[in-house]
Amino acid sequence: MAESDSRKELLARALLEYLELHPNEPVSVTSITRICGISRQSFYYHFRDIHDLHAWTLHHELMKTVRPVRGEGWRTEIQAVLERMYENRLLVMRAAQAKGSVNIDELLKQELGIYIMRSVEETSVGLDIALQDRALIARFYTAGLLEIIRIWIDDGMRETPERLTERLAPFLVNSSDLLERFTAEYRA
């Protein structure tokens, strides 16, 4: 791991530690650098501001979750993402409330879009579906899922990830069935 990445990891762990110890207090660069024992200048070498650290940390926390469940279907991957978000709800809720450079909706759109597009790509192998149509399907599901997750966040993430996934299950249809229907309707 490069020194820059290890510093970023150190700052991310400090952010998570701070949020756990001080859930109702504002996070500052000073509070994070004190935990790490590094200078403010070093912080700004790696991140633009505290909101940038929030976004980077959230991205890496979500990636840790999804890698092990790749290829197990939308439902499994989405539940893994929701569980990780729930475990890091202080981070997620702070990022959602931030007025700085982090846009939680854009961050989640990118994260979810990657998982969904990959799933669409994997299940469309051998099907005659144009790239723009596969992208349309992925964007459709990403937008809907993003809206539901945003409502969940705004509601304080009170519902468990398992229950939310259960409620979403009818919409998280087997993607191969969806793609086959999509192909059949276009050929008709």
N, C-alpha and C. Protein backbone atom coordinates (compact mmCIF):
# COMPACT_ATOMS: atom_id res chain seq x y z
N MET A 1 0.86 -1.18 0.00
CA MET A 1 0.00 0.00 0.00
C MET A 1 0.90 1.24 0.00
N ALA A 2 0.57 2.18 -0.85
CA ALA A 2 1.34 3.42 -0.93
C ALA A 2 1.17 4.23 0.34
N GLU A 3 2.17 5.06 0.63
CA GLU A 3 2.11 5.88 1.84
C GLU A 3 0.88 6.77 1.85
N SER A 4 0.52 7.32 0.69
CA SER A 4 -0.65 8.18 0.58
C SER A 4 -1.91 7.42 0.97
N ASP A 5 -2.04 6.19 0.47
CA ASP A 5 -3.21 5.37 0.80
C ASP A 5 -3.24 5.02 2.28
N SER A 6 -2.09 4.72 2.85
CA SER A 6 -2.07 4.38 4.27
C SER A 6 -2.45 5.59 5.13
N ARG A 7 -2.04 6.78 4.72
CA ARG A 7 -2.44 8.00 5.45
C ARG A 7 -3.95 8.22 5.34
N LYS A 8 -4.47 8.00 4.14
CA LYS A 8 -5.92 8.15 3.96
C LYS A 8 -6.67 7.16 4.83
N GLU A 9 -6.18 5.92 4.87
CA GLU A 9 -6.80 4.90 5.73
C GLU A 9 -6.73 5.32 7.20
N LEU A 10 -5.59 5.85 7.61
CA LEU A 10 -5.42 6.32 8.98
C LEU A 10 -6.42 7.42 9.31
N LEU A 11 -6.59 8.36 8.39
CA LEU A 11 -7.55 9.46 8.60
C LEU A 11 -8.98 8.93 8.61
N ALA A 12 -9.27 7.97 7.75
CA ALA A 12 -10.61 7.38 7.71
C ALA A 12 -10.92 6.65 9.02
N ARG A 13 -9.98 5.89 9.51
CA ARG A 13 -10.19 5.20 10.80
C ARG A 13 -10.38 6.20 11.93
N ALA A 14 -9.64 7.30 11.88
CA ALA A 14 -9.79 8.35 12.89
C ALA A 14 -11.19 8.97 12.82
N LEU A 15 -11.68 9.19 11.62
CA LEU A 15 -13.04 9.72 11.45
C LEU A 15 -14.06 8.77 12.05
N LEU A 16 -13.96 7.50 11.73
CA LEU A 16 -14.91 6.51 12.27
C LEU A 16 -14.82 6.44 13.80
N GLU A 17 -13.61 6.49 14.31
CA GLU A 17 -13.41 6.47 15.77
C GLU A 17 -14.04 7.71 16.41
N TYR A 18 -13.81 8.87 15.81
CA TYR A 18 -14.36 10.11 16.35
C TYR A 18 -15.88 10.06 16.35
N LEU A 19 -16.47 9.60 15.26
CA LEU A 19 -17.93 9.53 15.18
C LEU A 19 -18.51 8.58 16.23
N GLU A 20 -17.80 7.51 16.49
CA GLU A 20 -18.26 6.56 17.51
C GLU A 20 -18.18 7.16 18.91
N LEU A 21 -17.10 7.88 19.19
CA LEU A 21 -16.90 8.47 20.52
C LEU A 21 -17.70 9.75 20.74
N HIS A 22 -17.93 10.50 19.66
CA HIS A 22 -18.60 11.80 19.75
C HIS A 22 -19.71 11.91 18.71
N PRO A 23 -20.75 11.08 18.83
CA PRO A 23 -21.76 11.03 17.76
C PRO A 23 -22.53 12.33 17.54
N ASN A 24 -22.61 13.17 18.55
CA ASN A 24 -23.41 14.39 18.43
C ASN A 24 -22.57 15.66 18.30
N GLU A 25 -21.26 15.50 18.21
CA GLU A 25 -20.39 16.67 18.11
C GLU A 25 -19.94 16.87 16.66
N PRO A 26 -19.73 18.12 16.27
CA PRO A 26 -19.23 18.36 14.91
C PRO A 26 -17.82 17.80 14.74
N VAL A 27 -17.54 17.35 13.53
CA VAL A 27 -16.22 16.82 13.22
C VAL A 27 -15.39 17.94 12.59
N SER A 28 -14.16 18.06 13.05
CA SER A 28 -13.28 19.07 12.47
C SER A 28 -11.97 18.41 12.04
N VAL A 29 -11.27 19.09 11.17
CA VAL A 29 -9.97 18.61 10.74
C VAL A 29 -9.05 18.48 11.95
N THR A 30 -9.13 19.44 12.85
CA THR A 30 -8.28 19.41 14.05
C THR A 30 -8.56 18.17 14.89
N SER A 31 -9.84 17.84 15.09
CA SER A 31 -10.16 16.67 15.91
C SER A 31 -9.64 15.39 15.26
N ILE A 32 -9.71 15.30 13.96
CA ILE A 32 -9.24 14.10 13.26
C ILE A 32 -7.71 14.02 13.28
N THR A 33 -7.04 15.13 13.03
CA THR A 33 -5.57 15.11 13.01
C THR A 33 -5.00 14.85 14.40
N ARG A 34 -5.69 15.28 15.43
CA ARG A 34 -5.23 14.98 16.80
C ARG A 34 -5.25 13.48 17.06
N ILE A 35 -6.32 12.83 16.64
CA ILE A 35 -6.42 11.38 16.84
C ILE A 35 -5.28 10.67 16.12
N CYS A 36 -4.98 11.13 14.91
CA CYS A 36 -3.93 10.50 14.08
C CYS A 36 -2.52 10.89 14.49
N GLY A 37 -2.40 12.06 15.10
CA GLY A 37 -1.07 12.56 15.41
C GLY A 37 -0.35 13.08 14.17
N ILE A 38 -1.12 13.61 13.23
CA ILE A 38 -0.51 14.20 12.04
C ILE A 38 -0.90 15.68 11.96
N SER A 39 -0.22 16.39 11.10
CA SER A 39 -0.48 17.83 10.98
C SER A 39 -1.69 18.11 10.10
N ARG A 40 -2.25 19.31 10.28
CA ARG A 40 -3.36 19.75 9.42
C ARG A 40 -2.90 19.81 7.96
N GLN A 41 -1.67 20.23 7.77
CA GLN A 41 -1.13 20.32 6.42
C GLN A 41 -1.13 18.94 5.75
N SER A 42 -0.79 17.93 6.52
CA SER A 42 -0.80 16.57 5.99
C SER A 42 -2.22 16.16 5.61
N PHE A 43 -3.19 16.54 6.44
CA PHE A 43 -4.60 16.25 6.13
C PHE A 43 -4.95 16.85 4.76
N TYR A 44 -4.62 18.11 4.56
CA TYR A 44 -4.98 18.81 3.33
C TYR A 44 -4.18 18.33 2.12
N TYR A 45 -3.11 17.62 2.36
CA TYR A 45 -2.40 16.99 1.26
C TYR A 45 -3.24 15.86 0.67
N HIS A 46 -4.03 15.20 1.51
CA HIS A 46 -4.82 14.04 1.10
C HIS A 46 -6.28 14.35 0.78
N PHE A 47 -6.85 15.34 1.47
CA PHE A 47 -8.28 15.66 1.30
C PHE A 47 -8.49 17.16 1.21
N ARG A 48 -9.52 17.56 0.41
CA ARG A 48 -9.84 18.98 0.27
C ARG A 48 -10.41 19.56 1.56
N ASP A 49 -11.27 18.78 2.21
CA ASP A 49 -11.92 19.22 3.44
C ASP A 49 -12.47 18.01 4.17
N ILE A 50 -13.14 18.24 5.27
CA ILE A 50 -13.67 17.15 6.09
C ILE A 50 -14.75 16.37 5.32
N HIS A 51 -15.47 17.06 4.45
CA HIS A 51 -16.52 16.40 3.66
C HIS A 51 -15.90 15.44 2.64
N ASP A 52 -14.77 15.80 2.10
CA ASP A 52 -14.05 14.93 1.18
C ASP A 52 -13.61 13.65 1.91
N LEU A 53 -13.17 13.80 3.16
CA LEU A 53 -12.81 12.63 3.97
C LEU A 53 -14.03 11.76 4.21
N HIS A 54 -15.18 12.37 4.51
CA HIS A 54 -16.43 11.60 4.68
C HIS A 54 -16.71 10.76 3.43
N ALA A 55 -16.65 11.40 2.27
CA ALA A 55 -16.97 10.71 1.01
C ALA A 55 -15.99 9.57 0.75
N TRP A 56 -14.70 9.82 0.93
CA TRP A 56 -13.68 8.80 0.69
C TRP A 56 -13.89 7.62 1.63
N THR A 57 -14.16 7.92 2.89
CA THR A 57 -14.35 6.87 3.90
C THR A 57 -15.58 6.04 3.58
N LEU A 58 -16.66 6.70 3.24
CA LEU A 58 -17.89 5.98 2.91
C LEU A 58 -17.67 5.08 1.69
N HIS A 59 -17.04 5.60 0.67
CA HIS A 59 -16.75 4.80 -0.53
C HIS A 59 -15.96 3.55 -0.16
N HIS A 60 -14.92 3.70 0.61
CA HIS A 60 -14.07 2.56 0.95
C HIS A 60 -14.75 1.58 1.89
N GLU A 61 -15.59 2.07 2.77
CA GLU A 61 -16.36 1.17 3.63
C GLU A 61 -17.34 0.33 2.80
N LEU A 62 -17.97 0.96 1.83
CA LEU A 62 -18.91 0.23 0.98
C LEU A 62 -18.18 -0.79 0.09
N MET A 63 -17.03 -0.43 -0.42
CA MET A 63 -16.28 -1.34 -1.28
C MET A 63 -15.81 -2.58 -0.51
N LYS A 64 -15.49 -2.42 0.76
CA LYS A 64 -15.08 -3.57 1.57
C LYS A 64 -16.20 -4.60 1.65
N THR A 65 -17.42 -4.15 1.59
CA THR A 65 -18.57 -5.01 1.73
C THR A 65 -18.91 -5.74 0.45
N VAL A 66 -18.88 -5.05 -0.64
CA VAL A 66 -19.41 -5.59 -1.88
C VAL A 66 -18.45 -6.57 -2.55
N ARG A 67 -17.18 -6.36 -2.44
CA ARG A 67 -16.23 -7.27 -3.10
C ARG A 67 -16.50 -8.74 -2.78
N PRO A 68 -16.72 -9.10 -1.51
CA PRO A 68 -16.93 -10.53 -1.20
C PRO A 68 -18.23 -11.12 -1.74
N VAL A 69 -19.24 -10.30 -2.08
CA VAL A 69 -20.52 -10.85 -2.52
C VAL A 69 -20.77 -10.64 -4.02
N ARG A 70 -19.77 -10.19 -4.74
CA ARG A 70 -19.94 -10.00 -6.19
C ARG A 70 -20.41 -11.29 -6.84
N GLY A 71 -21.32 -11.13 -7.77
CA GLY A 71 -21.80 -12.29 -8.52
C GLY A 71 -22.89 -13.08 -7.83
N GLU A 72 -23.33 -12.63 -6.67
CA GLU A 72 -24.37 -13.36 -5.94
C GLU A 72 -25.76 -12.77 -6.17
N GLY A 73 -25.87 -11.83 -7.08
CA GLY A 73 -27.18 -11.27 -7.41
C GLY A 73 -27.42 -9.92 -6.77
N TRP A 74 -28.36 -9.20 -7.36
CA TRP A 74 -28.67 -7.85 -6.89
C TRP A 74 -29.08 -7.82 -5.44
N ARG A 75 -29.96 -8.73 -5.06
CA ARG A 75 -30.49 -8.71 -3.69
C ARG A 75 -29.37 -8.85 -2.66
N THR A 76 -28.49 -9.80 -2.87
CA THR A 76 -27.38 -10.02 -1.94
C THR A 76 -26.46 -8.81 -1.89
N GLU A 77 -26.13 -8.26 -3.06
CA GLU A 77 -25.24 -7.10 -3.09
C GLU A 77 -25.88 -5.88 -2.46
N ILE A 78 -27.15 -5.63 -2.75
CA ILE A 78 -27.83 -4.48 -2.17
C ILE A 78 -27.96 -4.64 -0.66
N GLN A 79 -28.29 -5.84 -0.20
CA GLN A 79 -28.38 -6.05 1.25
C GLN A 79 -27.01 -5.83 1.90
N ALA A 80 -25.94 -6.27 1.27
CA ALA A 80 -24.60 -6.06 1.81
C ALA A 80 -24.29 -4.56 1.92
N VAL A 81 -24.66 -3.80 0.89
CA VAL A 81 -24.45 -2.35 0.92
C VAL A 81 -25.27 -1.72 2.04
N LEU A 82 -26.54 -2.11 2.14
CA LEU A 82 -27.39 -1.54 3.20
C LEU A 82 -26.87 -1.89 4.59
N GLU A 83 -26.40 -3.11 4.76
CA GLU A 83 -25.85 -3.52 6.07
C GLU A 83 -24.62 -2.69 6.42
N ARG A 84 -23.75 -2.48 5.44
CA ARG A 84 -22.54 -1.69 5.70
C ARG A 84 -22.90 -0.24 6.01
N MET A 85 -23.88 0.28 5.27
CA MET A 85 -24.34 1.64 5.55
C MET A 85 -24.92 1.72 6.96
N TYR A 86 -25.67 0.71 7.34
CA TYR A 86 -26.28 0.69 8.67
C TYR A 86 -25.20 0.63 9.75
N GLU A 87 -24.19 -0.19 9.54
CA GLU A 87 -23.07 -0.27 10.49
C GLU A 87 -22.36 1.07 10.63
N ASN A 88 -22.33 1.83 9.55
CA ASN A 88 -21.66 3.13 9.53
C ASN A 88 -22.68 4.26 9.45
N ARG A 89 -23.82 4.08 10.11
CA ARG A 89 -24.90 5.06 9.97
C ARG A 89 -24.53 6.46 10.43
N LEU A 90 -23.66 6.58 11.41
CA LEU A 90 -23.23 7.92 11.83
C LEU A 90 -22.50 8.61 10.68
N LEU A 91 -21.63 7.89 10.02
CA LEU A 91 -20.91 8.42 8.87
C LEU A 91 -21.88 8.77 7.74
N VAL A 92 -22.79 7.87 7.44
CA VAL A 92 -23.76 8.07 6.36
C VAL A 92 -24.65 9.28 6.66
N MET A 93 -25.17 9.35 7.87
CA MET A 93 -26.08 10.44 8.22
C MET A 93 -25.35 11.78 8.26
N ARG A 94 -24.12 11.79 8.74
CA ARG A 94 -23.34 13.03 8.72
C ARG A 94 -23.08 13.48 7.28
N ALA A 95 -22.73 12.52 6.42
CA ALA A 95 -22.48 12.86 5.02
C ALA A 95 -23.76 13.35 4.36
N ALA A 96 -24.89 12.76 4.71
CA ALA A 96 -26.18 13.17 4.13
C ALA A 96 -26.57 14.57 4.57
N GLN A 97 -26.18 14.95 5.78
CA GLN A 97 -26.55 16.26 6.31
C GLN A 97 -25.54 17.34 5.95
N ALA A 98 -24.39 16.95 5.44
CA ALA A 98 -23.31 17.90 5.16
C ALA A 98 -23.73 18.90 4.08
N LYS A 99 -23.31 20.11 4.27
CA LYS A 99 -23.58 21.17 3.30
C LYS A 99 -22.33 21.50 2.48
N GLY A 100 -21.32 20.69 2.61
CA GLY A 100 -20.06 20.97 1.92
C GLY A 100 -19.98 20.32 0.56
N SER A 101 -18.79 19.86 0.22
CA SER A 101 -18.52 19.36 -1.12
C SER A 101 -19.06 17.95 -1.37
N VAL A 102 -19.51 17.26 -0.32
CA VAL A 102 -20.03 15.92 -0.49
C VAL A 102 -21.50 15.99 -0.89
N ASN A 103 -21.85 15.26 -1.92
CA ASN A 103 -23.24 15.11 -2.29
C ASN A 103 -23.54 13.63 -2.13
N ILE A 104 -24.20 13.28 -1.03
CA ILE A 104 -24.45 11.87 -0.71
C ILE A 104 -25.23 11.19 -1.82
N ASP A 105 -26.14 11.92 -2.46
CA ASP A 105 -26.92 11.32 -3.53
C ASP A 105 -26.03 10.94 -4.71
N GLU A 106 -25.12 11.81 -5.08
CA GLU A 106 -24.20 11.50 -6.18
C GLU A 106 -23.27 10.35 -5.81
N LEU A 107 -22.78 10.36 -4.58
CA LEU A 107 -21.89 9.30 -4.13
C LEU A 107 -22.61 7.95 -4.18
N LEU A 108 -23.82 7.90 -3.64
CA LEU A 108 -24.58 6.65 -3.65
C LEU A 108 -24.97 6.25 -5.08
N LYS A 109 -25.29 7.22 -5.90
CA LYS A 109 -25.63 6.94 -7.30
C LYS A 109 -24.45 6.26 -8.00
N GLN A 110 -23.25 6.77 -7.75
CA GLN A 110 -22.06 6.16 -8.35
C GLN A 110 -21.84 4.75 -7.82
N GLU A 111 -21.93 4.60 -6.49
CA GLU A 111 -21.70 3.29 -5.87
C GLU A 111 -22.73 2.27 -6.35
N LEU A 112 -24.01 2.61 -6.23
CA LEU A 112 -25.07 1.68 -6.62
C LEU A 112 -25.04 1.42 -8.12
N GLY A 113 -24.79 2.47 -8.89
CA GLY A 113 -24.75 2.33 -10.33
C GLY A 113 -23.71 1.33 -10.79
N ILE A 114 -22.57 1.32 -10.13
CA ILE A 114 -21.50 0.36 -10.46
C ILE A 114 -21.99 -1.06 -10.24
N TYR A 115 -22.60 -1.33 -9.07
CA TYR A 115 -23.06 -2.69 -8.75
C TYR A 115 -24.15 -3.14 -9.71
N ILE A 116 -25.08 -2.24 -9.96
CA ILE A 116 -26.21 -2.61 -10.80
C ILE A 116 -25.77 -2.78 -12.25
N MET A 117 -24.94 -1.88 -12.76
CA MET A 117 -24.48 -2.02 -14.13
C MET A 117 -23.68 -3.29 -14.30
N ARG A 118 -22.84 -3.63 -13.34
CA ARG A 118 -22.07 -4.86 -13.42
C ARG A 118 -23.00 -6.07 -13.45
N SER A 119 -24.04 -6.05 -12.63
CA SER A 119 -24.99 -7.15 -12.62
C SER A 119 -25.73 -7.26 -13.95
N VAL A 120 -26.14 -6.13 -14.51
CA VAL A 120 -26.81 -6.13 -15.80
C VAL A 120 -25.86 -6.68 -16.87
N GLU A 121 -24.61 -6.24 -16.86
CA GLU A 121 -23.63 -6.72 -17.83
C GLU A 121 -23.42 -8.23 -17.72
N GLU A 122 -23.27 -8.71 -16.48
CA GLU A 122 -23.02 -10.13 -16.28
C GLU A 122 -24.19 -10.99 -16.74
N THR A 123 -25.40 -10.53 -16.48
CA THR A 123 -26.56 -11.34 -16.83
C THR A 123 -27.03 -11.15 -18.27
N SER A 124 -26.48 -10.17 -18.96
CA SER A 124 -26.89 -9.95 -20.35
C SER A 124 -25.97 -10.64 -21.35
N VAL A 125 -24.98 -11.35 -20.85
CA VAL A 125 -24.07 -12.08 -21.74
C VAL A 125 -24.90 -13.07 -22.56
N GLY A 126 -24.72 -13.02 -23.87
CA GLY A 126 -25.44 -13.92 -24.75
C GLY A 126 -26.80 -13.39 -25.19
N LEU A 127 -27.23 -12.28 -24.62
CA LEU A 127 -28.51 -11.68 -25.01
C LEU A 127 -28.23 -10.53 -25.97
N ASP A 128 -29.15 -10.30 -26.86
CA ASP A 128 -29.00 -9.26 -27.86
C ASP A 128 -29.59 -7.95 -27.33
N ILE A 129 -28.86 -7.31 -26.41
CA ILE A 129 -29.32 -6.04 -25.84
C ILE A 129 -28.22 -5.02 -26.06
N ALA A 130 -28.57 -3.94 -26.71
CA ALA A 130 -27.60 -2.89 -27.01
C ALA A 130 -27.05 -2.28 -25.73
N LEU A 131 -25.83 -1.77 -25.82
CA LEU A 131 -25.18 -1.15 -24.66
C LEU A 131 -26.03 -0.03 -24.08
N GLN A 132 -26.62 0.82 -24.92
CA GLN A 132 -27.42 1.93 -24.39
C GLN A 132 -28.67 1.42 -23.68
N ASP A 133 -29.20 0.27 -24.10
CA ASP A 133 -30.36 -0.30 -23.41
C ASP A 133 -29.96 -0.92 -22.07
N ARG A 134 -28.79 -1.55 -22.02
CA ARG A 134 -28.31 -2.08 -20.74
C ARG A 134 -28.06 -0.93 -19.77
N ALA A 135 -27.50 0.16 -20.28
CA ALA A 135 -27.27 1.34 -19.44
C ALA A 135 -28.59 1.93 -18.96
N LEU A 136 -29.61 1.95 -19.81
CA LEU A 136 -30.93 2.45 -19.43
C LEU A 136 -31.52 1.63 -18.29
N ILE A 137 -31.43 0.32 -18.39
CA ILE A 137 -31.93 -0.57 -17.33
C ILE A 137 -31.20 -0.29 -16.02
N ALA A 138 -29.88 -0.18 -16.09
CA ALA A 138 -29.10 0.08 -14.88
C ALA A 138 -29.44 1.43 -14.28
N ARG A 139 -29.59 2.45 -15.10
CA ARG A 139 -29.95 3.79 -14.58
C ARG A 139 -31.33 3.78 -13.94
N PHE A 140 -32.26 3.07 -14.54
CA PHE A 140 -33.62 2.98 -14.00
C PHE A 140 -33.60 2.40 -12.59
N TYR A 141 -32.94 1.25 -12.43
CA TYR A 141 -32.88 0.62 -11.12
C TYR A 141 -32.06 1.43 -10.12
N THR A 142 -31.01 2.05 -10.59
CA THR A 142 -30.19 2.88 -9.71
C THR A 142 -31.00 4.05 -9.16
N ALA A 143 -31.75 4.73 -10.03
CA ALA A 143 -32.55 5.88 -9.60
C ALA A 143 -33.61 5.48 -8.58
N GLY A 144 -34.30 4.40 -8.84
CA GLY A 144 -35.34 3.94 -7.90
C GLY A 144 -34.75 3.53 -6.57
N LEU A 145 -33.69 2.77 -6.62
CA LEU A 145 -33.05 2.32 -5.39
C LEU A 145 -32.47 3.49 -4.60
N LEU A 146 -31.88 4.43 -5.30
CA LEU A 146 -31.33 5.61 -4.64
C LEU A 146 -32.41 6.38 -3.89
N GLU A 147 -33.56 6.53 -4.51
CA GLU A 147 -34.65 7.25 -3.85
C GLU A 147 -35.10 6.53 -2.58
N ILE A 148 -35.23 5.22 -2.63
CA ILE A 148 -35.65 4.46 -1.45
C ILE A 148 -34.58 4.55 -0.35
N ILE A 149 -33.32 4.43 -0.72
CA ILE A 149 -32.24 4.52 0.27
C ILE A 149 -32.18 5.91 0.87
N ARG A 150 -32.38 6.93 0.05
CA ARG A 150 -32.35 8.30 0.57
C ARG A 150 -33.49 8.51 1.58
N ILE A 151 -34.66 8.00 1.31
CA ILE A 151 -35.78 8.08 2.26
C ILE A 151 -35.41 7.35 3.55
N TRP A 152 -34.78 6.19 3.42
CA TRP A 152 -34.35 5.41 4.58
C TRP A 152 -33.35 6.21 5.42
N ILE A 153 -32.40 6.86 4.77
CA ILE A 153 -31.42 7.68 5.49
C ILE A 153 -32.11 8.85 6.18
N ASP A 154 -32.96 9.56 5.43
CA ASP A 154 -33.66 10.72 5.99
C ASP A 154 -34.57 10.35 7.16
N ASP A 155 -35.01 9.09 7.19
CA ASP A 155 -35.86 8.61 8.28
C ASP A 155 -35.02 8.11 9.46
N GLY A 156 -33.71 8.32 9.41
CA GLY A 156 -32.84 7.92 10.52
C GLY A 156 -32.38 6.48 10.46
N MET A 157 -32.57 5.82 9.32
CA MET A 157 -32.13 4.43 9.13
C MET A 157 -32.69 3.53 10.22
N ARG A 158 -33.94 3.77 10.60
CA ARG A 158 -34.55 3.00 11.68
C ARG A 158 -34.89 1.57 11.27
N GLU A 159 -35.25 1.38 10.02
CA GLU A 159 -35.58 0.04 9.54
C GLU A 159 -34.29 -0.75 9.35
N THR A 160 -34.31 -2.02 9.69
CA THR A 160 -33.09 -2.82 9.52
C THR A 160 -32.82 -3.05 8.04
N PRO A 161 -31.55 -3.23 7.68
CA PRO A 161 -31.21 -3.52 6.29
C PRO A 161 -31.92 -4.78 5.77
N GLU A 162 -32.06 -5.78 6.63
CA GLU A 162 -32.71 -7.02 6.23
C GLU A 162 -34.17 -6.76 5.86
N ARG A 163 -34.85 -5.99 6.70
CA ARG A 163 -36.27 -5.69 6.45
C ARG A 163 -36.42 -4.84 5.19
N LEU A 164 -35.57 -3.85 5.00
CA LEU A 164 -35.64 -3.01 3.81
C LEU A 164 -35.39 -3.85 2.56
N THR A 165 -34.41 -4.74 2.61
CA THR A 165 -34.13 -5.61 1.46
C THR A 165 -35.32 -6.52 1.18
N GLU A 166 -35.92 -7.03 2.24
CA GLU A 166 -37.11 -7.87 2.09
C GLU A 166 -38.23 -7.11 1.38
N ARG A 167 -38.42 -5.87 1.79
CA ARG A 167 -39.46 -5.05 1.17
C ARG A 167 -39.12 -4.70 -0.28
N LEU A 168 -37.84 -4.58 -0.58
CA LEU A 168 -37.40 -4.27 -1.94
C LEU A 168 -37.38 -5.50 -2.85
N ALA A 169 -37.43 -6.69 -2.27
CA ALA A 169 -37.26 -7.93 -3.02
C ALA A 169 -38.14 -8.02 -4.27
N PRO A 170 -39.41 -7.64 -4.22
CA PRO A 170 -40.21 -7.74 -5.45
C PRO A 170 -39.65 -6.89 -6.60
N PHE A 171 -38.94 -5.84 -6.27
CA PHE A 171 -38.37 -4.96 -7.29
C PHE A 171 -37.01 -5.43 -7.75
N LEU A 172 -36.34 -6.20 -6.91
CA LEU A 172 -35.01 -6.71 -7.24
C LEU A 172 -35.17 -8.08 -7.90
N VAL A 173 -35.91 -8.08 -9.00
CA VAL A 173 -36.20 -9.32 -9.70
C VAL A 173 -34.92 -9.94 -10.23
N ASN A 174 -35.01 -11.20 -10.54
CA ASN A 174 -33.88 -11.87 -11.15
C ASN A 174 -33.55 -11.11 -12.43
N SER A 175 -32.38 -10.54 -12.50
CA SER A 175 -32.04 -9.67 -13.62
C SER A 175 -32.02 -10.41 -14.95
N SER A 176 -31.72 -11.70 -14.96
CA SER A 176 -31.73 -12.43 -16.23
C SER A 176 -33.15 -12.51 -16.78
N ASP A 177 -34.16 -12.69 -15.91
CA ASP A 177 -35.56 -12.68 -16.36
C ASP A 177 -35.92 -11.32 -16.94
N LEU A 178 -35.52 -10.27 -16.27
CA LEU A 178 -35.79 -8.91 -16.75
C LEU A 178 -35.16 -8.68 -18.11
N LEU A 179 -33.91 -9.07 -18.26
CA LEU A 179 -33.21 -8.83 -19.51
C LEU A 179 -33.80 -9.67 -20.65
N GLU A 180 -34.21 -10.89 -20.35
CA GLU A 180 -34.83 -11.71 -21.38
C GLU A 180 -36.16 -11.10 -21.82
N ARG A 181 -36.95 -10.58 -20.86
CA ARG A 181 -38.21 -9.91 -21.21
C ARG A 181 -37.92 -8.66 -22.03
N PHE A 182 -36.89 -7.92 -21.65
CA PHE A 182 -36.53 -6.70 -22.36
C PHE A 182 -36.16 -7.03 -23.81
N THR A 183 -35.37 -8.09 -24.00
CA THR A 183 -34.97 -8.50 -25.33
C THR A 183 -36.19 -8.96 -26.14
N ALA A 184 -37.05 -9.76 -25.54
CA ALA A 184 -38.22 -10.29 -26.24
C ALA A 184 -39.15 -9.16 -26.68
N GLU A 185 -39.36 -8.17 -25.84
CA GLU A 185 -40.25 -7.07 -26.18
C GLU A 185 -39.68 -6.21 -27.28
N TYR A 186 -38.37 -6.04 -27.32
CA TYR A 186 -37.75 -5.25 -28.38
C TYR A 186 -37.81 -5.97 -29.73
N ARG A 187 -37.77 -7.28 -29.69
CA ARG A 187 -37.81 -8.05 -30.95
C ARG A 187 -39.22 -8.16 -31.49
N ALA A 188 -40.21 -7.96 -30.63
CA ALA A 188 -41.61 -8.13 -31.07
C ALA A 188 -42.05 -7.00 -31.97
